Amino acid sequence: IEHLLRGGSVAAWIICIACLLPAVLRLVRFRGR
């Protein structure tokens, strides 16, 4: 169960990073909101 939870957690954090990427890219291009 630990391996399953770890895998699910890693997947959830990757989804989180993907969703936040547009905001980070705006900051990198100095066009942040």
PDB file of all heavy atoms in Angstrom:
ATOM      1  N   ILE A   1       0.827  -1.201   0.000  1.00  0.00           N
ATOM      2  CA  ILE A   1       0.000   0.000   0.000  1.00  0.00           C
ATOM      3  C   ILE A   1       0.867   1.259   0.000  1.00  0.00           C
ATOM      4  O   ILE A   1       0.516   2.267  -0.611  1.00  0.00           O
ATOM      5  CB  ILE A   1      -0.997  -0.010   1.188  1.00  0.00           C
ATOM      6  CG1 ILE A   1      -2.014   1.134   1.064  1.00  0.00           C
ATOM      7  CG2 ILE A   1      -0.279   0.106   2.506  1.00  0.00           C
ATOM      8  CD1 ILE A   1      -3.050   0.879   0.037  1.00  0.00           C
ATOM      9  N   GLU A   2       2.038   1.181   0.641  1.00  0.00           N
ATOM     10  CA  GLU A   2       2.947   2.330   0.651  1.00  0.00           C
ATOM     11  C   GLU A   2       3.414   2.682  -0.758  1.00  0.00           C
ATOM     12  O   GLU A   2       3.455   3.858  -1.132  1.00  0.00           O
ATOM     13  CB  GLU A   2       4.159   2.054   1.541  1.00  0.00           C
ATOM     14  CG  GLU A   2       5.147   3.212   1.564  1.00  0.00           C
ATOM     15  CD  GLU A   2       6.402   2.907   2.345  1.00  0.00           C
ATOM     16  OE1 GLU A   2       6.482   1.852   3.000  1.00  0.00           O
ATOM     17  OE2 GLU A   2       7.323   3.737   2.274  1.00  0.00           O
ATOM     18  N   HIS A   3       3.744   1.669  -1.551  1.00  0.00           N
ATOM     19  CA  HIS A   3       4.182   1.908  -2.928  1.00  0.00           C
ATOM     20  C   HIS A   3       3.051   2.496  -3.771  1.00  0.00           C
ATOM     21  O   HIS A   3       3.277   3.382  -4.598  1.00  0.00           O
ATOM     22  CB  HIS A   3       4.708   0.623  -3.564  1.00  0.00           C
ATOM     23  CG  HIS A   3       6.034   0.216  -3.042  1.00  0.00           C
ATOM     24  ND1 HIS A   3       6.175  -0.626  -1.961  1.00  0.00           N
ATOM     25  CD2 HIS A   3       7.289   0.562  -3.434  1.00  0.00           C
ATOM     26  CE1 HIS A   3       7.462  -0.796  -1.715  1.00  0.00           C
ATOM     27  NE2 HIS A   3       8.162  -0.079  -2.595  1.00  0.00           N
ATOM     28  N   LEU A   4       1.836   1.991  -3.564  1.00  0.00           N
ATOM     29  CA  LEU A   4       0.687   2.530  -4.293  1.00  0.00           C
ATOM     30  C   LEU A   4       0.425   3.989  -3.914  1.00  0.00           C
ATOM     31  O   LEU A   4       0.171   4.832  -4.784  1.00  0.00           O
ATOM     32  CB  LEU A   4      -0.557   1.683  -4.020  1.00  0.00           C
ATOM     33  CG  LEU A   4      -0.551   0.281  -4.605  1.00  0.00           C
ATOM     34  CD1 LEU A   4      -1.753  -0.509  -4.115  1.00  0.00           C
ATOM     35  CD2 LEU A   4      -0.528   0.347  -6.121  1.00  0.00           C
ATOM     36  N   LEU A   5       0.483   4.277  -2.618  1.00  0.00           N
ATOM     37  CA  LEU A   5       0.259   5.650  -2.167  1.00  0.00           C
ATOM     38  C   LEU A   5       1.366   6.584  -2.658  1.00  0.00           C
ATOM     39  O   LEU A   5       1.099   7.724  -3.055  1.00  0.00           O
ATOM     40  CB  LEU A   5       0.153   5.706  -0.643  1.00  0.00           C
ATOM     41  CG  LEU A   5      -1.108   5.089  -0.048  1.00  0.00           C
ATOM     42  CD1 LEU A   5      -1.016   5.045   1.471  1.00  0.00           C
ATOM     43  CD2 LEU A   5      -2.329   5.864  -0.501  1.00  0.00           C
ATOM     44  N   ARG A   6       2.593   6.112  -2.620  1.00  0.00           N
ATOM     45  CA  ARG A   6       3.712   6.934  -3.112  1.00  0.00           C
ATOM     46  C   ARG A   6       3.529   7.227  -4.602  1.00  0.00           C
ATOM     47  O   ARG A   6       3.707   8.350  -5.062  1.00  0.00           O
ATOM     48  CB  ARG A   6       5.043   6.250  -2.863  1.00  0.00           C
ATOM     49  CG  ARG A   6       6.242   7.125  -3.259  1.00  0.00           C
ATOM     50  CD  ARG A   6       7.559   6.459  -2.950  1.00  0.00           C
ATOM     51  NE  ARG A   6       7.715   6.088  -1.563  1.00  0.00           N
ATOM     52  CZ  ARG A   6       8.164   6.901  -0.605  1.00  0.00           C
ATOM     53  NH1 ARG A   6       8.495   8.126  -0.913  1.00  0.00           N
ATOM     54  NH2 ARG A   6       8.275   6.477   0.629  1.00  0.00           N
ATOM     55  N   GLY A   7       3.169   6.216  -5.379  1.00  0.00           N
ATOM     56  CA  GLY A   7       2.944   6.415  -6.817  1.00  0.00           C
ATOM     57  C   GLY A   7       1.807   7.376  -7.091  1.00  0.00           C
ATOM     58  O   GLY A   7       1.909   8.250  -7.959  1.00  0.00           O
ATOM     59  N   GLY A   8       0.719   7.253  -6.335  1.00  0.00           N
ATOM     60  CA  GLY A   8      -0.406   8.173  -6.480  1.00  0.00           C
ATOM     61  C   GLY A   8      -0.031   9.586  -6.087  1.00  0.00           C
ATOM     62  O   GLY A   8      -0.443  10.559  -6.733  1.00  0.00           O
ATOM     63  N   SER A   9       0.764   9.714  -5.045  1.00  0.00           N
ATOM     64  CA  SER A   9       1.203  11.021  -4.594  1.00  0.00           C
ATOM     65  C   SER A   9       2.119  11.683  -5.618  1.00  0.00           C
ATOM     66  O   SER A   9       1.989  12.876  -5.907  1.00  0.00           O
ATOM     67  CB  SER A   9       1.907  10.890  -3.243  1.00  0.00           C
ATOM     68  OG  SER A   9       2.283  12.147  -2.759  1.00  0.00           O
ATOM     69  N   VAL A  10       3.045  10.923  -6.172  1.00  0.00           N
ATOM     70  CA  VAL A  10       3.941  11.459  -7.203  1.00  0.00           C
ATOM     71  C   VAL A  10       3.125  11.918  -8.404  1.00  0.00           C
ATOM     72  O   VAL A  10       3.345  13.016  -8.940  1.00  0.00           O
ATOM     73  CB  VAL A  10       5.007  10.404  -7.604  1.00  0.00           C
ATOM     74  CG1 VAL A  10       5.724  10.815  -8.879  1.00  0.00           C
ATOM     75  CG2 VAL A  10       5.999  10.197  -6.467  1.00  0.00           C
ATOM     76  N   ALA A  11       2.156  11.122  -8.822  1.00  0.00           N
ATOM     77  CA  ALA A  11       1.307  11.505  -9.951  1.00  0.00           C
ATOM     78  C   ALA A  11       0.529  12.786  -9.646  1.00  0.00           C
ATOM     79  O   ALA A  11       0.416  13.672 -10.502  1.00  0.00           O
ATOM     80  CB  ALA A  11       0.352  10.365 -10.300  1.00  0.00           C
ATOM     81  N   ALA A  12       0.014  12.902  -8.430  1.00  0.00           N
ATOM     82  CA  ALA A  12      -0.748  14.092  -8.049  1.00  0.00           C
ATOM     83  C   ALA A  12       0.135  15.338  -8.052  1.00  0.00           C
ATOM     84  O   ALA A  12      -0.279  16.412  -8.515  1.00  0.00           O
ATOM     85  CB  ALA A  12      -1.373  13.888  -6.668  1.00  0.00           C
ATOM     86  N   TRP A  13       1.372  15.218  -7.553  1.00  0.00           N
ATOM     87  CA  TRP A  13       2.284  16.371  -7.554  1.00  0.00           C
ATOM     88  C   TRP A  13       2.699  16.737  -8.974  1.00  0.00           C
ATOM     89  O   TRP A  13       2.871  17.926  -9.289  1.00  0.00           O
ATOM     90  CB  TRP A  13       3.503  16.104  -6.677  1.00  0.00           C
ATOM     91  CG  TRP A  13       3.193  16.262  -5.223  1.00  0.00           C
ATOM     92  CD1 TRP A  13       3.153  15.272  -4.286  1.00  0.00           C
ATOM     93  CD2 TRP A  13       2.867  17.473  -4.532  1.00  0.00           C
ATOM     94  NE1 TRP A  13       2.822  15.798  -3.064  1.00  0.00           N
ATOM     95  CE2 TRP A  13       2.635  17.147  -3.182  1.00  0.00           C
ATOM     96  CE3 TRP A  13       2.729  18.800  -4.918  1.00  0.00           C
ATOM     97  CZ2 TRP A  13       2.285  18.096  -2.231  1.00  0.00           C
ATOM     98  CZ3 TRP A  13       2.377  19.756  -3.968  1.00  0.00           C
ATOM     99  CH2 TRP A  13       2.166  19.396  -2.642  1.00  0.00           C
ATOM    100  N   ILE A  14       2.832  15.771  -9.859  1.00  0.00           N
ATOM    101  CA  ILE A  14       3.160  16.071 -11.259  1.00  0.00           C
ATOM    102  C   ILE A  14       2.003  16.829 -11.915  1.00  0.00           C
ATOM    103  O   ILE A  14       2.216  17.792 -12.663  1.00  0.00           O
ATOM    104  CB  ILE A  14       3.524  14.789 -12.026  1.00  0.00           C
ATOM    105  CG1 ILE A  14       4.887  14.280 -11.547  1.00  0.00           C
ATOM    106  CG2 ILE A  14       3.533  15.023 -13.538  1.00  0.00           C
ATOM    107  CD1 ILE A  14       5.274  12.923 -12.087  1.00  0.00           C
ATOM    108  N   ILE A  15       0.776  16.427 -11.632  1.00  0.00           N
ATOM    109  CA  ILE A  15      -0.397  17.144 -12.142  1.00  0.00           C
ATOM    110  C   ILE A  15      -0.412  18.567 -11.600  1.00  0.00           C
ATOM    111  O   ILE A  15      -0.674  19.524 -12.335  1.00  0.00           O
ATOM    112  CB  ILE A  15      -1.693  16.388 -11.782  1.00  0.00           C
ATOM    113  CG1 ILE A  15      -1.775  15.085 -12.563  1.00  0.00           C
ATOM    114  CG2 ILE A  15      -2.922  17.259 -12.033  1.00  0.00           C
ATOM    115  CD1 ILE A  15      -2.862  14.146 -12.098  1.00  0.00           C
ATOM    116  N   CYS A  16      -0.099  18.725 -10.327  1.00  0.00           N
ATOM    117  CA  CYS A  16      -0.044  20.045  -9.703  1.00  0.00           C
ATOM    118  C   CYS A  16       0.989  20.927 -10.402  1.00  0.00           C
ATOM    119  O   CYS A  16       0.713  22.090 -10.728  1.00  0.00           O
ATOM    120  CB  CYS A  16       0.279  19.898  -8.216  1.00  0.00           C
ATOM    121  SG  CYS A  16       0.393  21.465  -7.331  1.00  0.00           S
ATOM    122  N   ILE A  17       2.169  20.381 -10.643  1.00  0.00           N
ATOM    123  CA  ILE A  17       3.226  21.131 -11.326  1.00  0.00           C
ATOM    124  C   ILE A  17       2.772  21.528 -12.732  1.00  0.00           C
ATOM    125  O   ILE A  17       2.981  22.671 -13.157  1.00  0.00           O
ATOM    126  CB  ILE A  17       4.526  20.306 -11.364  1.00  0.00           C
ATOM    127  CG1 ILE A  17       5.139  20.255  -9.966  1.00  0.00           C
ATOM    128  CG2 ILE A  17       5.518  20.875 -12.366  1.00  0.00           C
ATOM    129  CD1 ILE A  17       6.296  19.289  -9.832  1.00  0.00           C
ATOM    130  N   ALA A  18       2.137  20.620 -13.437  1.00  0.00           N
ATOM    131  CA  ALA A  18       1.659  20.921 -14.791  1.00  0.00           C
ATOM    132  C   ALA A  18       0.631  22.046 -14.774  1.00  0.00           C
ATOM    133  O   ALA A  18       0.641  22.918 -15.649  1.00  0.00           O
ATOM    134  CB  ALA A  18       1.073  19.664 -15.432  1.00  0.00           C
ATOM    135  N   CYS A  19      -0.234  22.063 -13.795  1.00  0.00           N
ATOM    136  CA  CYS A  19      -1.248  23.110 -13.697  1.00  0.00           C
ATOM    137  C   CYS A  19      -0.643  24.469 -13.334  1.00  0.00           C
ATOM    138  O   CYS A  19      -1.164  25.512 -13.728  1.00  0.00           O
ATOM    139  CB  CYS A  19      -2.306  22.729 -12.669  1.00  0.00           C
ATOM    140  SG  CYS A  19      -3.318  21.325 -13.164  1.00  0.00           S
ATOM    141  N   LEU A  20       0.440  24.465 -12.582  1.00  0.00           N
ATOM    142  CA  LEU A  20       1.080  25.705 -12.160  1.00  0.00           C
ATOM    143  C   LEU A  20       2.071  26.244 -13.187  1.00  0.00           C
ATOM    144  O   LEU A  20       2.488  27.403 -13.106  1.00  0.00           O
ATOM    145  CB  LEU A  20       1.804  25.490 -10.830  1.00  0.00           C
ATOM    146  CG  LEU A  20       0.893  25.229  -9.636  1.00  0.00           C
ATOM    147  CD1 LEU A  20       1.707  24.715  -8.469  1.00  0.00           C
ATOM    148  CD2 LEU A  20       0.131  26.481  -9.267  1.00  0.00           C
ATOM    149  N   LEU A  21       2.438  25.440 -14.139  1.00  0.00           N
ATOM    150  CA  LEU A  21       3.457  25.828 -15.114  1.00  0.00           C
ATOM    151  C   LEU A  21       3.127  27.110 -15.887  1.00  0.00           C
ATOM    152  O   LEU A  21       4.021  27.934 -16.089  1.00  0.00           O
ATOM    153  CB  LEU A  21       3.722  24.662 -16.061  1.00  0.00           C
ATOM    154  CG  LEU A  21       5.040  24.691 -16.803  1.00  0.00           C
ATOM    155  CD1 LEU A  21       6.213  24.836 -15.848  1.00  0.00           C
ATOM    156  CD2 LEU A  21       5.191  23.436 -17.629  1.00  0.00           C
ATOM    157  N   PRO A  22       1.877  27.348 -16.315  1.00  0.00           N
ATOM    158  CA  PRO A  22       1.600  28.608 -17.019  1.00  0.00           C
ATOM    159  C   PRO A  22       1.941  29.852 -16.185  1.00  0.00           C
ATOM    160  O   PRO A  22       2.490  30.822 -16.716  1.00  0.00           O
ATOM    161  CB  PRO A  22       0.103  28.535 -17.320  1.00  0.00           C
ATOM    162  CG  PRO A  22      -0.196  27.073 -17.365  1.00  0.00           C
ATOM    163  CD  PRO A  22       0.708  26.459 -16.329  1.00  0.00           C
ATOM    164  N   ALA A  23       1.647  29.829 -14.902  1.00  0.00           N
ATOM    165  CA  ALA A  23       1.978  30.972 -14.044  1.00  0.00           C
ATOM    166  C   ALA A  23       3.481  31.159 -13.931  1.00  0.00           C
ATOM    167  O   ALA A  23       3.990  32.285 -13.973  1.00  0.00           O
ATOM    168  CB  ALA A  23       1.360  30.791 -12.654  1.00  0.00           C
ATOM    169  N   VAL A  24       4.210  30.062 -13.815  1.00  0.00           N
ATOM    170  CA  VAL A  24       5.671  30.141 -13.706  1.00  0.00           C
ATOM    171  C   VAL A  24       6.265  30.665 -15.013  1.00  0.00           C
ATOM    172  O   VAL A  24       7.172  31.509 -14.992  1.00  0.00           O
ATOM    173  CB  VAL A  24       6.258  28.760 -13.337  1.00  0.00           C
ATOM    174  CG1 VAL A  24       7.770  28.757 -13.421  1.00  0.00           C
ATOM    175  CG2 VAL A  24       5.798  28.352 -11.946  1.00  0.00           C
ATOM    176  N   LEU A  25       5.739  30.214 -16.132  1.00  0.00           N
ATOM    177  CA  LEU A  25       6.243  30.697 -17.417  1.00  0.00           C
ATOM    178  C   LEU A  25       5.980  32.187 -17.587  1.00  0.00           C
ATOM    179  O   LEU A  25       6.816  32.909 -18.145  1.00  0.00           O
ATOM    180  CB  LEU A  25       5.628  29.895 -18.567  1.00  0.00           C
ATOM    181  CG  LEU A  25       6.065  28.434 -18.643  1.00  0.00           C
ATOM    182  CD1 LEU A  25       5.315  27.705 -19.753  1.00  0.00           C
ATOM    183  CD2 LEU A  25       7.561  28.332 -18.844  1.00  0.00           C
ATOM    184  N   ARG A  26       4.831  32.677 -17.120  1.00  0.00           N
ATOM    185  CA  ARG A  26       4.571  34.123 -17.173  1.00  0.00           C
ATOM    186  C   ARG A  26       5.588  34.876 -16.327  1.00  0.00           C
ATOM    187  O   ARG A  26       6.060  35.944 -16.719  1.00  0.00           O
ATOM    188  CB  ARG A  26       3.151  34.432 -16.695  1.00  0.00           C
ATOM    189  CG  ARG A  26       2.073  34.126 -17.701  1.00  0.00           C
ATOM    190  CD  ARG A  26       0.735  34.710 -17.302  1.00  0.00           C
ATOM    191  NE  ARG A  26       0.227  34.208 -16.042  1.00  0.00           N
ATOM    192  CZ  ARG A  26      -0.570  33.148 -15.911  1.00  0.00           C
ATOM    193  NH1 ARG A  26      -0.949  32.466 -16.986  1.00  0.00           N
ATOM    194  NH2 ARG A  26      -0.999  32.774 -14.728  1.00  0.00           N
ATOM    195  N   LEU A  27       5.926  34.336 -15.161  1.00  0.00           N
ATOM    196  CA  LEU A  27       6.922  34.989 -14.312  1.00  0.00           C
ATOM    197  C   LEU A  27       8.295  35.015 -14.977  1.00  0.00           C
ATOM    198  O   LEU A  27       9.002  36.022 -14.920  1.00  0.00           O
ATOM    199  CB  LEU A  27       7.019  34.268 -12.965  1.00  0.00           C
ATOM    200  CG  LEU A  27       5.866  34.493 -11.997  1.00  0.00           C
ATOM    201  CD1 LEU A  27       5.996  33.551 -10.816  1.00  0.00           C
ATOM    202  CD2 LEU A  27       5.832  35.934 -11.540  1.00  0.00           C
ATOM    203  N   VAL A  28       8.671  33.915 -15.600  1.00  0.00           N
ATOM    204  CA  VAL A  28       9.975  33.835 -16.255  1.00  0.00           C
ATOM    205  C   VAL A  28      10.062  34.853 -17.399  1.00  0.00           C
ATOM    206  O   VAL A  28      11.107  35.445 -17.630  1.00  0.00           O
ATOM    207  CB  VAL A  28      10.238  32.398 -16.761  1.00  0.00           C
ATOM    208  CG1 VAL A  28      11.438  32.327 -17.675  1.00  0.00           C
ATOM    209  CG2 VAL A  28      10.411  31.458 -15.575  1.00  0.00           C
ATOM    210  N   ARG A  29       8.943  35.070 -18.083  1.00  0.00           N
ATOM    211  CA  ARG A  29       8.911  36.032 -19.188  1.00  0.00           C
ATOM    212  C   ARG A  29       8.629  37.456 -18.704  1.00  0.00           C
ATOM    213  O   ARG A  29       8.415  38.348 -19.513  1.00  0.00           O
ATOM    214  CB  ARG A  29       7.849  35.616 -20.207  1.00  0.00           C
ATOM    215  CG  ARG A  29       8.190  34.340 -20.933  1.00  0.00           C
ATOM    216  CD  ARG A  29       7.207  34.058 -22.056  1.00  0.00           C
ATOM    217  NE  ARG A  29       5.822  34.289 -21.671  1.00  0.00           N
ATOM    218  CZ  ARG A  29       4.864  33.373 -21.658  1.00  0.00           C
ATOM    219  NH1 ARG A  29       5.135  32.147 -22.021  1.00  0.00           N
ATOM    220  NH2 ARG A  29       3.642  33.680 -21.296  1.00  0.00           N
ATOM    221  N   PHE A  30       8.625  37.669 -17.389  1.00  0.00           N
ATOM    222  CA  PHE A  30       8.372  38.980 -16.778  1.00  0.00           C
ATOM    223  C   PHE A  30       7.014  39.553 -17.173  1.00  0.00           C
ATOM    224  O   PHE A  30       6.860  40.753 -17.348  1.00  0.00           O
ATOM    225  CB  PHE A  30       9.483  39.986 -17.136  1.00  0.00           C
ATOM    226  CG  PHE A  30      10.833  39.581 -16.633  1.00  0.00           C
ATOM    227  CD1 PHE A  30      11.774  39.066 -17.499  1.00  0.00           C
ATOM    228  CD2 PHE A  30      11.138  39.680 -15.288  1.00  0.00           C
ATOM    229  CE1 PHE A  30      13.026  38.674 -17.046  1.00  0.00           C
ATOM    230  CE2 PHE A  30      12.379  39.292 -14.815  1.00  0.00           C
ATOM    231  CZ  PHE A  30      13.325  38.792 -15.690  1.00  0.00           C
ATOM    232  N   ARG A  31       6.020  38.695 -17.315  1.00  0.00           N
ATOM    233  CA  ARG A  31       4.657  39.110 -17.629  1.00  0.00           C
ATOM    234  C   ARG A  31       3.683  38.565 -16.581  1.00  0.00           C
ATOM    235  O   ARG A  31       2.540  38.254 -16.887  1.00  0.00           O
ATOM    236  CB  ARG A  31       4.249  38.608 -19.012  1.00  0.00           C
ATOM    237  CG  ARG A  31       5.090  39.190 -20.112  1.00  0.00           C
ATOM    238  CD  ARG A  31       4.708  38.615 -21.445  1.00  0.00           C
ATOM    239  NE  ARG A  31       5.143  39.532 -22.482  1.00  0.00           N
ATOM    240  CZ  ARG A  31       4.336  40.046 -23.383  1.00  0.00           C
ATOM    241  NH1 ARG A  31       3.081  39.730 -23.403  1.00  0.00           N
ATOM    242  NH2 ARG A  31       4.818  40.882 -24.283  1.00  0.00           N
ATOM    243  N   GLY A  32       4.169  38.460 -15.353  1.00  0.00           N
ATOM    244  CA  GLY A  32       3.375  37.854 -14.300  1.00  0.00           C
ATOM    245  C   GLY A  32       2.162  38.677 -13.917  1.00  0.00           C
ATOM    246  O   GLY A  32       2.170  39.901 -13.970  1.00  0.00           O
ATOM    247  N   ARG A  33       1.117  38.001 -13.539  1.00  0.00           N
ATOM    248  CA  ARG A  33      -0.080  38.634 -13.003  1.00  0.00           C
ATOM    249  C   ARG A  33       0.102  38.801 -11.503  1.00  0.00           C
ATOM    250  O   ARG A  33       1.089  38.369 -10.920  1.00  0.00           O
ATOM    251  CB  ARG A  33      -1.303  37.780 -13.310  1.00  0.00           C
ATOM    252  CG  ARG A  33      -1.542  37.612 -14.790  1.00  0.00           C
ATOM    253  CD  ARG A  33      -2.718  36.703 -15.026  1.00  0.00           C
ATOM    254  NE  ARG A  33      -2.849  36.409 -16.440  1.00  0.00           N
ATOM    255  CZ  ARG A  33      -3.542  35.402 -16.912  1.00  0.00           C
ATOM    256  NH1 ARG A  33      -4.173  34.588 -16.087  1.00  0.00           N
ATOM    257  NH2 ARG A  33      -3.617  35.200 -18.207  1.00  0.00           N
TER     258      ARG A  33
END
